[in-house]
Amino acid sequence: MLNVCTPEEAIEIIRREFAGCSTDTELLPLSSCVGRVLAEDITANEYVPDFDRSTVDGYAVRAADTFGCSDAMPAVLTLRGIVSMGSSSGIVIHEGECAYVPTGGEIPEGADAMVMIEHSESYGNEEIGILKAAAPGNNIIYRGDDVFPGKTVLKAGRVLRAEDIGALAALGMSEVALKKRPAIGIISTGDELVPVGKKPGAGQVRDVNSDMLASSVELFGAQAKQFGIIKDGYMRLRSAIVENLDSCDALLISGGSSVGQMDSTCAVIEELGTLLLHGIAMKPGKPTIMGRIGSKPVIGLPGHPAAAFFVSDIFVRELTAIMLGIAPRSFTASALLTEAVSANHGRAHYCGVVLSEQDGKLCARPVRSKSGLISSLAGCDGYFCIPRDSEGCAKGDEITVFLR
């Protein structure tokens, strides 16, 4: 019999037992940083931009010279010159004068506003008519408006996006300190398993979980290391763990987690380390195992692919986030169930859904799937959870969908 805990208790065990499993830091070129976790705060030591610049193509003016002007009564200013991109303006604007400045160009000394070229007209002889009044600061980015020395631009633990890379580039950071991606090893166990590229014989199935779990941990921000298929048996599993554990930061063992005669994962973990739990009150995924060998997490996932998927998405995601020093990243949406879904009282029940819009509302159609099947989940947009103290959800209930 399994002595099960709740999914919430399993999360707490992960947080308590593996809080110190943070990965080291590495320095990488900026071009390799997107999607990676920032290891330290980024604080500016310069101004960005380092000069007052225009946000439009047009004329730099003294705002006071344009007050009261209109299409019918333009302010006529003398053109002092044209600002070139990539160089200092070298122009000083006095009363009744203006200068042409392209977008991004430096604002000449004496000017305090920009007028868009659409609101001007040229009369020849260096005379420019301004057709719309400007207020001080119009269409200008001032020195340090974006970044100034001492400003914290990005906080440690941020998963870097393309716009963050742009901010780092603006600060001149060609290299960035990042958290190393934890290496998570994957072992598949079972006499019935054959490689994906091999046609299964009688009683055999392809090893679905190795590639599926590897893809999952890569999406979580870790580095997957596949150690292949091993046959059932205590000594085979023990040898595979001993041989491969040193080369990874955590280990996932797919299969060998139920209470069948050939299942050895619990016994091996207990011999080599500490068994933390065997059994979670969830469906699918009840026979999940968690343990520690030395300082390294070892998780035994059910061999059934759909069960392995849910266990990975909930618990391996949490573990990876702890190792990276970030909060688990998940995106949710509220939707209305299109059908009733029953559940086993006493176990949290996870069910895939397909989303669609109906009458302006987001709706979720539940996908019926047994734990050994994965193809139905492949077409899902996400999944939801029926709490363990509930016997199900009714048609029309509002649910929280964890988006995939």
Protein backbone atom coordinates (compact mmCIF):
# COMPACT_ATOMS: atom_id res chain seq x y z
CA MET A 1 0.00 0.00 0.00
CA LEU A 2 1.09 3.56 -0.71
CA ASN A 3 1.15 6.09 2.12
CA VAL A 4 0.05 9.06 0.04
CA CYS A 5 0.37 12.79 0.63
CA THR A 6 -1.52 15.60 -1.08
CA PRO A 7 -0.07 17.48 -4.09
CA GLU A 8 0.32 20.54 -1.85
CA GLU A 9 2.27 18.49 0.70
CA ALA A 10 4.48 17.13 -2.09
CA ILE A 11 5.27 20.68 -3.20
CA GLU A 12 6.19 21.60 0.37
CA ILE A 13 8.50 18.58 0.57
CA ILE A 14 10.27 19.71 -2.59
CA ARG A 15 10.66 23.24 -1.28
CA ARG A 16 11.90 22.09 2.12
CA GLU A 17 14.24 19.31 1.05
CA PHE A 18 15.80 20.94 -2.01
CA ALA A 19 15.95 24.62 -1.08
CA GLY A 20 19.75 24.47 -1.17
CA CYS A 21 20.02 22.93 -4.65
CA SER A 22 20.62 26.23 -6.46
CA THR A 23 22.89 26.05 -9.48
CA ASP A 24 26.12 28.01 -9.98
CA THR A 25 26.66 31.11 -12.13
CA GLU A 26 28.19 31.33 -15.59
CA LEU A 27 29.15 34.24 -17.86
CA LEU A 28 27.72 34.09 -21.39
CA PRO A 29 27.69 36.41 -24.41
CA LEU A 30 24.59 38.58 -24.70
CA SER A 31 23.46 36.77 -27.86
CA SER A 32 23.06 33.54 -25.86
CA CYS A 33 21.07 34.96 -22.95
CA VAL A 34 17.43 34.97 -24.07
CA GLY A 35 15.31 32.59 -22.02
CA ARG A 36 18.01 32.24 -19.37
CA VAL A 37 17.85 33.29 -15.72
CA LEU A 38 19.71 36.40 -14.59
CA ALA A 39 22.09 35.61 -11.73
CA GLU A 40 22.53 39.12 -10.33
CA ASP A 41 20.90 42.55 -10.34
CA ILE A 42 21.83 44.75 -13.28
CA THR A 43 22.55 48.32 -12.15
CA ALA A 44 23.35 51.08 -14.64
CA ASN A 45 26.58 53.05 -14.39
CA GLU A 46 25.83 55.45 -17.24
CA TYR A 47 23.04 57.50 -18.77
CA VAL A 48 20.82 56.05 -21.52
CA PRO A 49 20.46 58.02 -23.67
CA ASP A 50 23.55 60.08 -22.96
CA PHE A 51 22.12 63.18 -24.68
CA ASP A 52 18.76 64.87 -25.23
CA ARG A 53 17.27 63.35 -28.37
CA SER A 54 14.30 63.81 -30.64
CA THR A 55 11.52 61.23 -30.97
CA VAL A 56 10.28 62.67 -34.29
CA ASP A 57 11.50 64.08 -37.58
CA GLY A 58 10.97 67.81 -37.39
CA TYR A 59 12.23 71.09 -36.00
CA ALA A 60 13.87 71.84 -32.67
CA VAL A 61 12.40 75.09 -31.33
CA ARG A 62 12.07 77.28 -28.28
CA ALA A 63 8.51 76.43 -27.19
CA ALA A 64 7.83 80.08 -26.30
CA ASP A 65 8.37 81.04 -29.95
CA THR A 66 5.42 78.84 -31.01
CA PHE A 67 2.80 79.93 -28.48
CA GLY A 68 -0.41 81.03 -30.20
CA CYS A 69 0.58 79.88 -33.70
CA SER A 70 -1.84 78.05 -36.01
CA ASP A 71 -2.41 77.10 -39.64
CA ALA A 72 -3.82 80.57 -40.22
CA MET A 73 -1.10 82.35 -38.25
CA PRO A 74 2.14 80.32 -38.34
CA ALA A 75 5.18 81.21 -36.30
CA VAL A 76 7.93 82.02 -38.79
CA LEU A 77 11.38 80.92 -37.58
CA THR A 78 14.84 81.10 -39.10
CA LEU A 79 16.47 77.76 -39.88
CA ARG A 80 19.86 77.68 -38.15
CA GLY A 81 20.96 74.33 -39.58
CA ILE A 82 20.44 70.60 -39.89
CA VAL A 83 21.50 68.08 -37.24
CA SER A 84 23.30 65.01 -38.55
CA MET A 85 22.71 61.60 -37.00
CA GLY A 86 25.55 60.16 -34.96
CA SER A 87 27.25 63.46 -34.17
CA SER A 88 26.91 66.43 -31.86
CA SER A 89 24.53 69.06 -33.19
CA GLY A 90 27.00 71.94 -32.82
CA ILE A 91 24.05 74.32 -33.10
CA VAL A 92 22.72 76.86 -30.60
CA ILE A 93 19.09 77.97 -30.96
CA HIS A 94 18.25 81.56 -30.08
CA GLU A 95 14.94 83.39 -30.03
CA GLY A 96 13.13 83.11 -33.37
CA GLU A 97 15.31 80.24 -34.62
CA CYS A 98 14.93 76.51 -35.24
CA ALA A 99 16.95 73.54 -36.51
CA TYR A 100 15.97 70.42 -38.40
CA VAL A 101 16.50 67.25 -36.33
CA PRO A 102 15.82 63.67 -37.55
CA THR A 103 14.34 61.04 -35.21
CA GLY A 104 17.03 60.08 -32.69
CA GLY A 105 19.15 63.13 -33.39
CA GLU A 106 20.60 65.37 -30.69
CA ILE A 107 18.55 68.37 -29.57
CA PRO A 108 20.53 71.60 -30.14
CA GLU A 109 21.42 73.80 -27.19
CA GLY A 110 18.73 76.37 -26.48
CA ALA A 111 15.84 74.30 -27.88
CA ASP A 112 13.27 72.82 -25.48
CA ALA A 113 10.69 71.22 -27.83
CA MET A 114 10.33 69.40 -31.13
CA VAL A 115 7.66 70.13 -33.71
CA MET A 116 6.79 67.30 -36.12
CA ILE A 117 7.61 68.05 -39.74
CA GLU A 118 3.91 67.49 -40.57
CA HIS A 119 3.14 70.63 -38.55
CA SER A 120 5.53 72.85 -40.49
CA GLU A 121 6.10 74.29 -43.94
CA SER A 122 9.10 75.75 -45.69
CA TYR A 123 8.89 79.24 -47.22
CA GLY A 124 12.38 79.21 -48.69
CA ASN A 125 15.20 81.57 -47.77
CA GLU A 126 15.75 79.59 -44.50
CA GLU A 127 12.28 80.50 -43.25
CA ILE A 128 10.19 77.75 -41.60
CA GLY A 129 6.54 78.15 -40.68
CA ILE A 130 5.41 76.35 -37.50
CA LEU A 131 1.68 75.55 -37.67
CA LYS A 132 1.11 74.04 -34.23
CA ALA A 133 2.22 75.29 -30.83
CA ALA A 134 4.63 73.13 -28.80
CA ALA A 135 4.93 72.81 -25.05
CA PRO A 136 8.34 72.48 -23.38
CA GLY A 137 9.51 68.89 -23.58
CA ASN A 138 7.29 67.89 -26.51
CA ASN A 139 8.77 64.96 -28.49
CA ILE A 140 12.05 64.95 -26.55
CA ILE A 141 13.72 62.18 -24.59
CA TYR A 142 16.05 63.81 -22.11
CA ARG A 143 19.43 62.52 -21.04
CA GLY A 144 18.89 59.69 -18.56
CA ASP A 145 15.12 59.46 -19.11
CA ASP A 146 15.53 55.74 -19.79
CA VAL A 147 18.43 54.83 -17.49
CA PHE A 148 20.63 56.77 -15.12
CA PRO A 149 23.62 55.73 -12.98
CA GLY A 150 22.53 53.72 -9.95
CA LYS A 151 19.19 52.62 -11.41
CA THR A 152 18.43 48.88 -11.10
CA VAL A 153 17.39 47.91 -14.60
CA LEU A 154 16.77 44.16 -14.12
CA LYS A 155 16.53 42.07 -10.96
CA ALA A 156 18.28 38.76 -10.33
CA GLY A 157 16.02 35.78 -11.05
CA ARG A 158 14.43 37.31 -14.14
CA VAL A 159 13.97 35.06 -17.14
CA LEU A 160 15.39 37.23 -19.89
CA ARG A 161 13.18 38.19 -22.82
CA ALA A 162 14.07 39.85 -26.11
CA GLU A 163 13.29 43.33 -24.73
CA ASP A 164 15.56 42.64 -21.74
CA ILE A 165 18.37 41.77 -24.14
CA GLY A 166 17.78 45.15 -25.77
CA ALA A 167 18.11 46.93 -22.42
CA LEU A 168 21.35 45.07 -21.66
CA ALA A 169 22.70 45.96 -25.09
CA ALA A 170 21.90 49.63 -24.45
CA LEU A 171 24.01 49.40 -21.29
CA GLY A 172 26.94 48.00 -23.26
CA MET A 173 26.83 44.58 -21.59
CA SER A 174 28.36 42.14 -24.05
CA GLU A 175 28.46 39.40 -21.38
CA VAL A 176 25.95 38.60 -18.64
CA ALA A 177 26.09 36.49 -15.46
CA LEU A 178 23.41 33.80 -15.64
CA LYS A 179 22.29 30.87 -13.55
CA LYS A 180 23.60 27.62 -14.98
CA ARG A 181 20.91 25.39 -16.38
CA PRO A 182 20.57 22.41 -14.04
CA ALA A 183 21.31 19.10 -15.72
CA ILE A 184 18.39 16.72 -15.18
CA GLY A 185 19.02 13.08 -16.03
CA ILE A 186 16.28 10.81 -17.37
CA ILE A 187 16.16 7.01 -17.10
CA SER A 188 13.32 4.93 -18.53
CA THR A 189 12.73 1.50 -17.01
CA GLY A 190 10.71 -1.46 -18.22
CA ASP A 191 11.13 -4.80 -19.97
CA GLU A 192 8.41 -3.72 -22.40
CA LEU A 193 10.16 -0.58 -23.69
CA VAL A 194 11.87 -0.24 -27.07
CA PRO A 195 13.51 2.87 -28.60
CA VAL A 196 11.28 5.30 -30.49
CA GLY A 197 12.79 4.34 -33.83
CA LYS A 198 12.08 0.63 -33.39
CA LYS A 199 8.80 -1.08 -34.22
CA PRO A 200 7.37 -2.68 -31.06
CA GLY A 201 6.93 -6.43 -30.97
CA ALA A 202 4.31 -8.40 -29.07
CA GLY A 203 3.82 -6.90 -25.62
CA GLN A 204 6.23 -4.02 -26.30
CA VAL A 205 5.71 -0.24 -26.47
CA ARG A 206 7.91 2.63 -27.59
CA ASP A 207 9.69 4.66 -24.92
CA VAL A 208 7.46 7.73 -24.97
CA ASN A 209 8.58 9.24 -21.68
CA SER A 210 12.30 9.82 -22.33
CA ASP A 211 11.77 12.38 -25.10
CA MET A 212 8.63 13.83 -23.53
CA LEU A 213 10.32 14.43 -20.18
CA ALA A 214 13.44 15.77 -21.86
CA SER A 215 11.32 18.28 -23.75
CA SER A 216 9.53 19.29 -20.56
CA VAL A 217 12.67 19.98 -18.54
CA GLU A 218 14.15 21.97 -21.42
CA LEU A 219 11.02 24.15 -21.42
CA PHE A 220 11.39 24.58 -17.65
CA GLY A 221 14.88 26.01 -18.21
CA ALA A 222 16.96 22.92 -17.42
CA GLN A 223 19.25 20.80 -19.56
CA ALA A 224 18.03 17.25 -20.24
CA LYS A 225 20.43 14.31 -20.22
CA GLN A 226 18.91 11.07 -21.45
CA PHE A 227 20.49 7.90 -20.09
CA GLY A 228 18.40 5.49 -22.13
CA ILE A 229 16.28 2.45 -21.34
CA ILE A 230 17.13 -0.14 -18.72
CA LYS A 231 15.37 -3.43 -18.11
CA ASP A 232 13.50 -4.08 -14.88
CA GLY A 233 15.51 -5.30 -11.94
CA TYR A 234 16.99 -3.97 -8.74
CA MET A 235 20.67 -4.32 -9.68
CA ARG A 236 20.19 -2.90 -13.17
CA LEU A 237 18.49 0.20 -11.77
CA ARG A 238 21.01 0.57 -8.99
CA SER A 239 23.91 0.40 -11.43
CA ALA A 240 22.28 2.96 -13.74
CA ILE A 241 21.75 5.42 -10.88
CA VAL A 242 25.26 5.03 -9.49
CA GLU A 243 26.79 5.34 -12.95
CA ASN A 244 24.88 8.46 -14.00
CA LEU A 245 24.01 10.48 -10.90
CA ASP A 246 27.37 12.26 -10.73
CA SER A 247 26.84 13.74 -14.19
CA CYS A 248 23.57 15.48 -13.39
CA ASP A 249 21.99 17.72 -10.75
CA ALA A 250 18.75 15.73 -10.43
CA LEU A 251 17.46 12.43 -11.75
CA LEU A 252 14.07 11.38 -13.12
CA ILE A 253 13.23 7.66 -13.27
CA SER A 254 10.28 6.84 -15.48
CA GLY A 255 8.50 3.59 -14.53
CA GLY A 256 9.17 1.39 -11.52
CA SER A 257 7.05 3.49 -9.18
CA SER A 258 4.04 1.25 -8.54
CA VAL A 259 3.89 -1.59 -6.03
CA GLY A 260 4.37 -4.38 -8.54
CA GLN A 261 6.79 -7.26 -8.01
CA MET A 262 9.37 -5.94 -10.50
CA ASP A 263 9.43 -2.36 -9.20
CA SER A 264 12.68 -1.43 -7.48
CA THR A 265 12.92 2.37 -7.44
CA CYS A 266 11.92 2.82 -3.79
CA ALA A 267 14.27 0.12 -2.59
CA VAL A 268 17.24 1.52 -4.50
CA ILE A 269 16.61 5.08 -3.25
CA GLU A 270 16.31 3.81 0.32
CA GLU A 271 19.61 1.93 0.01
CA LEU A 272 21.54 4.82 -1.60
CA GLY A 273 19.86 7.76 0.11
CA THR A 274 16.55 8.84 1.67
CA LEU A 275 13.02 8.09 0.50
CA LEU A 276 10.89 11.22 1.03
CA LEU A 277 7.53 10.07 -0.27
CA HIS A 278 5.84 7.30 -2.21
CA GLY A 279 2.39 8.20 -3.36
CA ILE A 280 0.54 11.45 -4.08
CA ALA A 281 -3.23 11.80 -3.85
CA MET A 282 -3.67 12.73 -7.49
CA LYS A 283 -5.05 11.20 -10.67
CA PRO A 284 -3.20 10.40 -12.78
CA GLY A 285 0.17 10.11 -11.01
CA LYS A 286 -0.61 8.47 -7.66
CA PRO A 287 2.48 6.17 -7.45
CA THR A 288 4.99 9.05 -7.71
CA ILE A 289 8.23 8.69 -5.71
CA MET A 290 10.51 11.41 -4.36
CA GLY A 291 13.86 10.87 -2.71
CA ARG A 292 17.31 12.26 -2.21
CA ILE A 293 20.64 10.58 -2.87
CA GLY A 294 23.39 12.66 -1.34
CA SER A 295 22.21 16.21 -2.01
CA LYS A 296 20.55 15.36 -5.33
CA PRO A 297 16.81 15.03 -5.95
CA VAL A 298 15.55 11.77 -7.42
CA ILE A 299 11.95 11.57 -8.65
CA GLY A 300 10.26 8.37 -9.75
CA LEU A 301 7.50 9.06 -12.24
CA PRO A 302 4.77 6.65 -13.36
CA GLY A 303 5.52 4.81 -16.57
CA HIS A 304 2.15 5.73 -18.05
CA PRO A 305 2.83 8.76 -20.30
CA ALA A 306 -0.10 10.99 -19.33
CA ALA A 307 0.60 10.42 -15.65
CA ALA A 308 4.29 11.15 -16.19
CA PHE A 309 3.35 14.37 -18.00
CA PHE A 310 1.25 15.73 -15.14
CA VAL A 311 3.80 14.78 -12.49
CA SER A 312 6.52 16.48 -14.52
CA ASP A 313 4.53 19.62 -15.22
CA ILE A 314 3.59 20.09 -11.56
CA PHE A 315 6.51 18.76 -9.51
CA VAL A 316 9.54 18.72 -11.81
CA ARG A 317 8.65 22.27 -12.86
CA GLU A 318 8.69 23.26 -9.16
CA LEU A 319 12.02 21.52 -8.57
CA THR A 320 13.63 23.16 -11.61
CA ALA A 321 12.43 26.60 -10.50
CA ILE A 322 14.02 26.08 -7.07
CA MET A 323 17.31 25.08 -8.67
CA LEU A 324 17.22 28.20 -10.86
CA GLY A 325 16.17 30.48 -8.00
CA ILE A 326 12.93 31.60 -9.66
CA ALA A 327 9.21 31.26 -9.06
CA PRO A 328 7.60 28.49 -11.13
CA ARG A 329 6.35 29.99 -14.35
CA SER A 330 2.78 29.12 -15.31
CA PHE A 331 0.09 30.95 -17.21
CA THR A 332 -3.59 30.52 -16.48
CA ALA A 333 -6.95 31.53 -17.91
CA SER A 334 -10.51 31.32 -16.60
CA ALA A 335 -12.93 29.32 -18.74
CA LEU A 336 -16.37 27.74 -18.53
CA LEU A 337 -16.66 23.95 -18.68
CA THR A 338 -18.74 22.69 -21.59
CA GLU A 339 -19.37 19.28 -19.96
CA ALA A 340 -19.59 17.88 -16.46
CA VAL A 341 -16.51 16.01 -15.21
CA SER A 342 -16.68 13.53 -12.35
CA ALA A 343 -13.73 12.79 -10.07
CA ASN A 344 -12.59 10.34 -7.42
CA HIS A 345 -13.18 11.88 -4.01
CA GLY A 346 -9.90 11.97 -2.09
CA ARG A 347 -7.57 12.55 -5.05
CA ALA A 348 -6.86 15.73 -6.99
CA HIS A 349 -7.97 14.99 -10.55
CA TYR A 350 -6.18 16.55 -13.53
CA CYS A 351 -7.91 16.76 -16.88
CA GLY A 352 -6.85 18.21 -20.22
CA VAL A 353 -9.04 20.72 -22.05
CA VAL A 354 -9.45 22.24 -25.49
CA LEU A 355 -10.29 25.95 -25.44
CA SER A 356 -12.66 27.81 -27.75
CA GLU A 357 -14.70 30.99 -27.76
CA GLN A 358 -18.46 30.66 -27.57
CA ASP A 359 -20.77 33.67 -27.42
CA GLY A 360 -17.86 35.87 -26.45
CA LYS A 361 -16.81 33.62 -23.55
CA LEU A 362 -13.78 31.35 -23.22
CA CYS A 363 -14.96 27.77 -22.92
CA ALA A 364 -13.10 24.57 -22.03
CA ARG A 365 -14.03 21.17 -23.41
CA PRO A 366 -12.63 18.40 -21.20
CA VAL A 367 -10.59 15.69 -22.92
CA ARG A 368 -11.29 12.22 -21.61
CA SER A 369 -8.03 10.32 -21.27
CA LYS A 370 -6.70 7.34 -19.38
CA SER A 371 -3.30 7.67 -17.69
CA GLY A 372 -1.63 5.36 -20.19
CA LEU A 373 -2.62 7.48 -23.19
CA ILE A 374 -0.82 10.58 -24.42
CA SER A 375 -2.16 11.36 -27.89
CA SER A 376 -5.35 12.96 -26.53
CA LEU A 377 -3.30 15.33 -24.35
CA ALA A 378 -1.19 16.28 -27.37
CA GLY A 379 -4.11 18.29 -28.76
CA CYS A 380 -4.95 20.07 -25.51
CA ASP A 381 -4.55 23.78 -24.84
CA GLY A 382 -4.06 23.19 -21.13
CA TYR A 383 -5.48 21.35 -18.14
CA PHE A 384 -7.39 22.00 -14.94
CA CYS A 385 -7.54 20.41 -11.51
CA ILE A 386 -10.58 19.15 -9.61
CA PRO A 387 -9.70 19.44 -5.91
CA ARG A 388 -9.35 16.24 -3.89
CA ASP A 389 -12.33 17.11 -1.67
CA SER A 390 -14.66 17.43 -4.66
CA GLU A 391 -16.60 14.80 -6.58
CA GLY A 392 -16.40 16.74 -9.82
CA CYS A 393 -17.31 19.88 -11.72
CA ALA A 394 -20.64 20.68 -13.35
CA LYS A 395 -21.25 21.94 -16.85
CA GLY A 396 -20.89 25.72 -16.85
CA ASP A 397 -18.56 25.83 -13.84
CA GLU A 398 -15.79 28.41 -14.08
CA ILE A 399 -12.39 26.70 -13.89
CA THR A 400 -8.76 27.80 -13.89
CA VAL A 401 -6.92 26.40 -16.91
CA PHE A 402 -3.17 25.96 -16.74
CA LEU A 403 -2.14 26.90 -20.26
CA ARG A 404 0.37 24.88 -22.24
